[in-house]
Amino acid sequence: MQSIQAIFFDVGDTLVFDDPPLRDRLVTAAHSLGLTLDPARLPDAFRGAEAFAVKRYVAGIVWDAPGALRETVGVLWESLGLPPLTDSQWGAFTTTFAALPFVRFVPPEAFALLDELKSRGFRLGAISDWEDTLPEVLTTLGLIDYVEALAISAVVGVAKPNPLIFEDMLGQIGLPAANCLHIGDWYELDAIGAREAGMSVLLFDWADRTPDADCPRVTDWSALSEYLLALPAPL
């Protein structure tokens, strides 16, 4: 790895998390239909549905494309041994799910790490598949002052793992790819895309999705901080 001068972060599920998380909200919406999702089988079933959705996303089918969410939920239901939802059930499910409240938050560990990285002279940015409202979201959450540049899919016009969104960040930051490190939680989106753009990669695999990843990988905030703070400070 060449000398790292800039560090870029994914946003959703890397710096910013939902409370309650998506899986819990799906369970709540299912309960509204009188359905119980087997808690013993749910983790593996949810992991399979995630993998299905990401595979389609990489193929160009966005999360909210017509029918995409229903197909993903169908994969989850099938893995749990549940029959497909009828049209009326699906309508009730989506209505309930959309109305469930959640808040976005930044773990305290993230603020502490960003503070330390900035104090050591690293240039920071965020590369995210998000709407053009991301600057407002980061402002509300207290993150905007940490990032020098933003590469947002809705603005750039492409989503991960397309290397163009990573190259957009390189154009903003004005550094060679070899001097930049990208961190994200999805191997298929973050690691592959950043590597295609020539960046170094660190997979923040807190959900333990890719234990056999062929790139550096950490699974918790302590290991993430240890890895980054071991990098030589930029000259």
Protein backbone atom coordinates (compact mmCIF):
# COMPACT_ATOMS: atom_id res chain seq x y z
CA MET A 1 0.00 0.00 0.00
CA GLN A 2 1.36 3.41 -0.98
CA SER A 3 1.24 6.30 1.45
CA ILE A 4 -2.42 7.03 2.20
CA GLN A 5 -3.28 10.72 2.20
CA ALA A 6 -7.08 10.57 1.87
CA ILE A 7 -9.66 8.24 3.40
CA PHE A 8 -13.16 7.90 1.98
CA PHE A 9 -16.13 6.35 3.76
CA ASP A 10 -19.36 4.84 2.59
CA VAL A 11 -22.25 6.46 4.49
CA GLY A 12 -25.20 4.09 5.01
CA ASP A 13 -24.35 1.28 7.44
CA THR A 14 -20.75 2.43 7.64
CA LEU A 15 -20.95 5.86 9.27
CA VAL A 16 -24.73 6.24 9.57
CA PHE A 17 -27.10 3.59 10.89
CA ASP A 18 -30.86 3.20 11.32
CA ASP A 19 -32.58 2.60 14.66
CA PRO A 20 -34.45 0.30 14.55
CA PRO A 21 -32.58 -1.39 11.70
CA LEU A 22 -34.25 -2.62 8.51
CA ARG A 23 -34.56 -6.23 9.67
CA ASP A 24 -36.42 -5.24 12.83
CA ARG A 25 -38.79 -3.04 10.84
CA LEU A 26 -39.56 -5.91 8.49
CA VAL A 27 -40.40 -8.11 11.48
CA THR A 28 -42.72 -5.43 12.87
CA ALA A 29 -44.49 -5.06 9.53
CA ALA A 30 -44.92 -8.84 9.32
CA HIS A 31 -46.42 -8.89 12.81
CA SER A 32 -49.03 -6.42 11.58
CA LEU A 33 -50.23 -9.18 9.22
CA GLY A 34 -50.33 -11.72 12.02
CA LEU A 35 -47.14 -13.38 10.77
CA THR A 36 -44.28 -14.47 12.99
CA LEU A 37 -40.82 -14.68 11.44
CA ASP A 38 -38.95 -17.56 13.05
CA PRO A 39 -36.18 -15.85 15.06
CA ALA A 40 -33.92 -18.91 14.79
CA ARG A 41 -34.08 -18.92 10.99
CA LEU A 42 -34.31 -15.17 10.45
CA PRO A 43 -30.58 -14.24 10.43
CA ASP A 44 -29.69 -16.69 7.64
CA ALA A 45 -32.88 -15.93 5.73
CA PHE A 46 -32.29 -12.19 5.93
CA ARG A 47 -28.67 -12.67 4.80
CA GLY A 48 -29.90 -14.59 1.76
CA ALA A 49 -32.43 -11.89 0.89
CA GLU A 50 -29.71 -9.24 1.23
CA ALA A 51 -27.44 -11.18 -1.12
CA PHE A 52 -30.29 -11.51 -3.63
CA ALA A 53 -31.00 -7.78 -3.51
CA VAL A 54 -27.34 -6.79 -3.87
CA LYS A 55 -26.82 -9.13 -6.82
CA ARG A 56 -29.75 -7.46 -8.57
CA TYR A 57 -28.47 -4.01 -7.59
CA VAL A 58 -25.08 -4.72 -9.17
CA ALA A 59 -26.98 -5.78 -12.30
CA GLY A 60 -28.62 -2.36 -12.38
CA ILE A 61 -31.95 -3.03 -10.64
CA VAL A 62 -32.22 -0.42 -7.91
CA TRP A 63 -33.69 -1.20 -4.51
CA ASP A 64 -36.95 0.63 -5.16
CA ALA A 65 -37.51 -0.49 -8.77
CA PRO A 66 -41.11 -1.66 -9.40
CA GLY A 67 -41.48 -5.15 -8.01
CA ALA A 68 -37.91 -5.36 -6.72
CA LEU A 69 -38.78 -5.07 -3.02
CA ARG A 70 -41.58 -7.58 -3.35
CA GLU A 71 -39.25 -10.10 -4.98
CA THR A 72 -36.67 -9.60 -2.24
CA VAL A 73 -39.29 -10.05 0.48
CA GLY A 74 -40.45 -13.13 -1.42
CA VAL A 75 -36.95 -14.61 -1.12
CA LEU A 76 -37.01 -13.88 2.61
CA TRP A 77 -40.45 -15.44 3.04
CA GLU A 78 -39.48 -18.55 1.07
CA SER A 79 -36.36 -19.05 3.20
CA LEU A 80 -38.57 -18.88 6.29
CA GLY A 81 -41.02 -21.42 4.87
CA LEU A 82 -43.82 -18.86 4.51
CA PRO A 83 -46.20 -18.67 1.55
CA PRO A 84 -45.93 -15.64 -0.76
CA LEU A 85 -47.95 -12.61 0.29
CA THR A 86 -51.18 -12.04 -1.59
CA ASP A 87 -51.73 -8.69 -3.29
CA SER A 88 -53.86 -7.46 -0.39
CA GLN A 89 -51.30 -8.66 2.16
CA TRP A 90 -48.51 -6.99 0.21
CA GLY A 91 -50.41 -3.71 0.17
CA ALA A 92 -50.94 -3.86 3.93
CA PHE A 93 -47.33 -4.87 4.51
CA THR A 94 -45.83 -2.03 2.47
CA THR A 95 -48.18 0.53 3.99
CA THR A 96 -47.23 -0.53 7.51
CA PHE A 97 -43.53 -0.76 6.68
CA ALA A 98 -43.43 2.71 5.13
CA ALA A 99 -45.12 4.21 8.21
CA LEU A 100 -42.74 2.69 10.75
CA PRO A 101 -40.61 5.39 12.38
CA PHE A 102 -36.85 5.16 12.58
CA VAL A 103 -34.02 7.53 13.30
CA ARG A 104 -30.58 7.79 11.79
CA PHE A 105 -27.60 7.97 14.10
CA VAL A 106 -23.82 8.06 14.04
CA PRO A 107 -22.02 5.81 16.55
CA PRO A 108 -19.82 7.74 19.01
CA GLU A 109 -16.87 5.65 17.81
CA ALA A 110 -17.25 7.17 14.35
CA PHE A 111 -16.93 10.73 15.64
CA ALA A 112 -13.91 9.82 17.73
CA LEU A 113 -12.21 8.14 14.77
CA LEU A 114 -12.95 10.98 12.35
CA ASP A 115 -11.63 13.52 14.84
CA GLU A 116 -8.39 11.62 15.20
CA LEU A 117 -7.93 11.06 11.46
CA LYS A 118 -8.47 14.75 10.76
CA SER A 119 -6.05 15.76 13.48
CA ARG A 120 -3.42 13.53 11.89
CA GLY A 121 -3.79 15.28 8.55
CA PHE A 122 -5.80 12.80 6.52
CA ARG A 123 -8.20 14.29 3.97
CA LEU A 124 -11.67 12.79 4.38
CA GLY A 125 -14.56 12.25 1.99
CA ALA A 126 -17.72 10.20 1.57
CA ILE A 127 -18.76 8.07 -1.41
CA SER A 128 -22.39 7.05 -1.15
CA ASP A 129 -25.34 5.68 -3.06
CA TRP A 130 -27.81 8.28 -1.81
CA GLU A 131 -30.21 10.98 -2.95
CA ASP A 132 -29.00 14.53 -3.47
CA THR A 133 -30.22 15.30 0.05
CA LEU A 134 -27.11 13.69 1.55
CA PRO A 135 -25.43 17.01 2.45
CA GLU A 136 -28.48 17.97 4.52
CA VAL A 137 -28.49 14.53 6.19
CA LEU A 138 -24.81 14.83 7.08
CA THR A 139 -25.35 18.35 8.38
CA THR A 140 -28.17 17.21 10.65
CA LEU A 141 -26.06 14.34 11.97
CA GLY A 142 -23.01 16.50 12.62
CA LEU A 143 -20.80 14.90 9.95
CA ILE A 144 -20.64 17.52 7.23
CA ASP A 145 -17.63 19.37 8.66
CA TYR A 146 -15.55 16.21 8.61
CA VAL A 147 -15.79 15.60 4.86
CA GLU A 148 -13.91 17.65 2.30
CA ALA A 149 -15.78 16.14 -0.66
CA LEU A 150 -18.88 14.07 -1.43
CA ALA A 151 -19.46 11.70 -4.34
CA ILE A 152 -23.20 10.97 -4.38
CA SER A 153 -24.82 8.53 -6.82
CA ALA A 154 -27.83 10.78 -7.45
CA VAL A 155 -25.47 13.62 -8.43
CA VAL A 156 -22.79 11.66 -10.30
CA GLY A 157 -25.39 9.62 -12.19
CA VAL A 158 -23.94 6.17 -11.46
CA ALA A 159 -24.03 3.92 -8.41
CA LYS A 160 -21.53 1.55 -6.85
CA PRO A 161 -19.72 -0.55 -7.90
CA ASN A 162 -19.36 1.58 -11.05
CA PRO A 163 -15.83 2.99 -10.75
CA LEU A 164 -16.99 6.35 -12.11
CA ILE A 165 -18.44 7.34 -8.72
CA PHE A 166 -15.06 6.62 -7.11
CA GLU A 167 -13.26 8.49 -9.89
CA ASP A 168 -15.56 11.45 -9.29
CA MET A 169 -14.23 11.60 -5.74
CA LEU A 170 -10.65 11.42 -7.02
CA GLY A 171 -11.37 14.38 -9.30
CA GLN A 172 -12.71 16.40 -6.39
CA ILE A 173 -9.91 15.55 -3.99
CA GLY A 174 -7.12 15.90 -6.58
CA LEU A 175 -5.04 12.92 -5.49
CA PRO A 176 -3.87 9.77 -7.29
CA ALA A 177 -6.00 6.70 -6.56
CA ALA A 178 -2.94 4.95 -5.12
CA ASN A 179 -2.88 7.48 -2.26
CA CYS A 180 -6.53 6.95 -1.34
CA LEU A 181 -8.30 4.37 0.81
CA HIS A 182 -12.03 3.61 0.64
CA ILE A 183 -13.97 1.99 3.49
CA GLY A 184 -17.43 0.43 3.17
CA ASP A 185 -19.55 -2.44 4.40
CA TRP A 186 -20.44 -4.21 1.11
CA TYR A 187 -17.71 -6.14 -0.68
CA GLU A 188 -19.69 -6.27 -3.95
CA LEU A 189 -20.26 -2.50 -3.97
CA ASP A 190 -17.47 -0.84 -2.02
CA ALA A 191 -14.47 -3.12 -2.36
CA ILE A 192 -14.94 -4.06 -6.01
CA GLY A 193 -15.77 -0.54 -7.16
CA ALA A 194 -12.96 1.18 -5.28
CA ARG A 195 -10.43 -1.38 -6.38
CA GLU A 196 -11.45 -0.95 -10.02
CA ALA A 197 -10.80 2.77 -9.61
CA GLY A 198 -7.30 1.96 -8.31
CA MET A 199 -7.87 2.77 -4.64
CA SER A 200 -6.86 0.74 -1.63
CA VAL A 201 -9.79 -0.91 0.14
CA LEU A 202 -10.76 -1.75 3.70
CA LEU A 203 -13.96 -3.76 4.17
CA PHE A 204 -15.84 -2.79 7.33
CA ASP A 205 -17.67 -6.11 7.54
CA TRP A 206 -19.49 -5.55 10.84
CA ALA A 207 -22.35 -7.80 9.65
CA ASP A 208 -19.86 -10.61 8.87
CA ARG A 209 -21.18 -10.99 5.31
CA THR A 210 -17.87 -11.74 3.58
CA PRO A 211 -15.50 -13.62 5.88
CA ASP A 212 -13.46 -14.85 2.89
CA ALA A 213 -13.00 -11.40 1.32
CA ASP A 214 -9.79 -11.01 -0.69
CA CYS A 215 -9.05 -7.60 0.77
CA PRO A 216 -8.23 -6.21 4.22
CA ARG A 217 -11.27 -6.66 6.46
CA VAL A 218 -12.31 -5.62 9.97
CA THR A 219 -15.51 -6.48 11.81
CA ASP A 220 -15.87 -3.91 14.60
CA TRP A 221 -15.07 -0.31 15.50
CA SER A 222 -12.08 -1.24 17.61
CA ALA A 223 -10.40 -3.09 14.75
CA LEU A 224 -11.36 -0.37 12.28
CA SER A 225 -9.76 2.31 14.45
CA GLU A 226 -6.68 0.20 15.07
CA TYR A 227 -6.19 -0.37 11.33
CA LEU A 228 -6.63 3.29 10.35
CA LEU A 229 -4.64 4.78 13.19
CA ALA A 230 -1.74 2.49 12.31
CA LEU A 231 -1.43 4.24 8.94
CA PRO A 232 1.46 6.70 8.74
CA ALA A 233 0.19 10.27 8.95
CA PRO A 234 0.41 12.12 5.62
CA LEU A 235 3.54 14.16 5.09
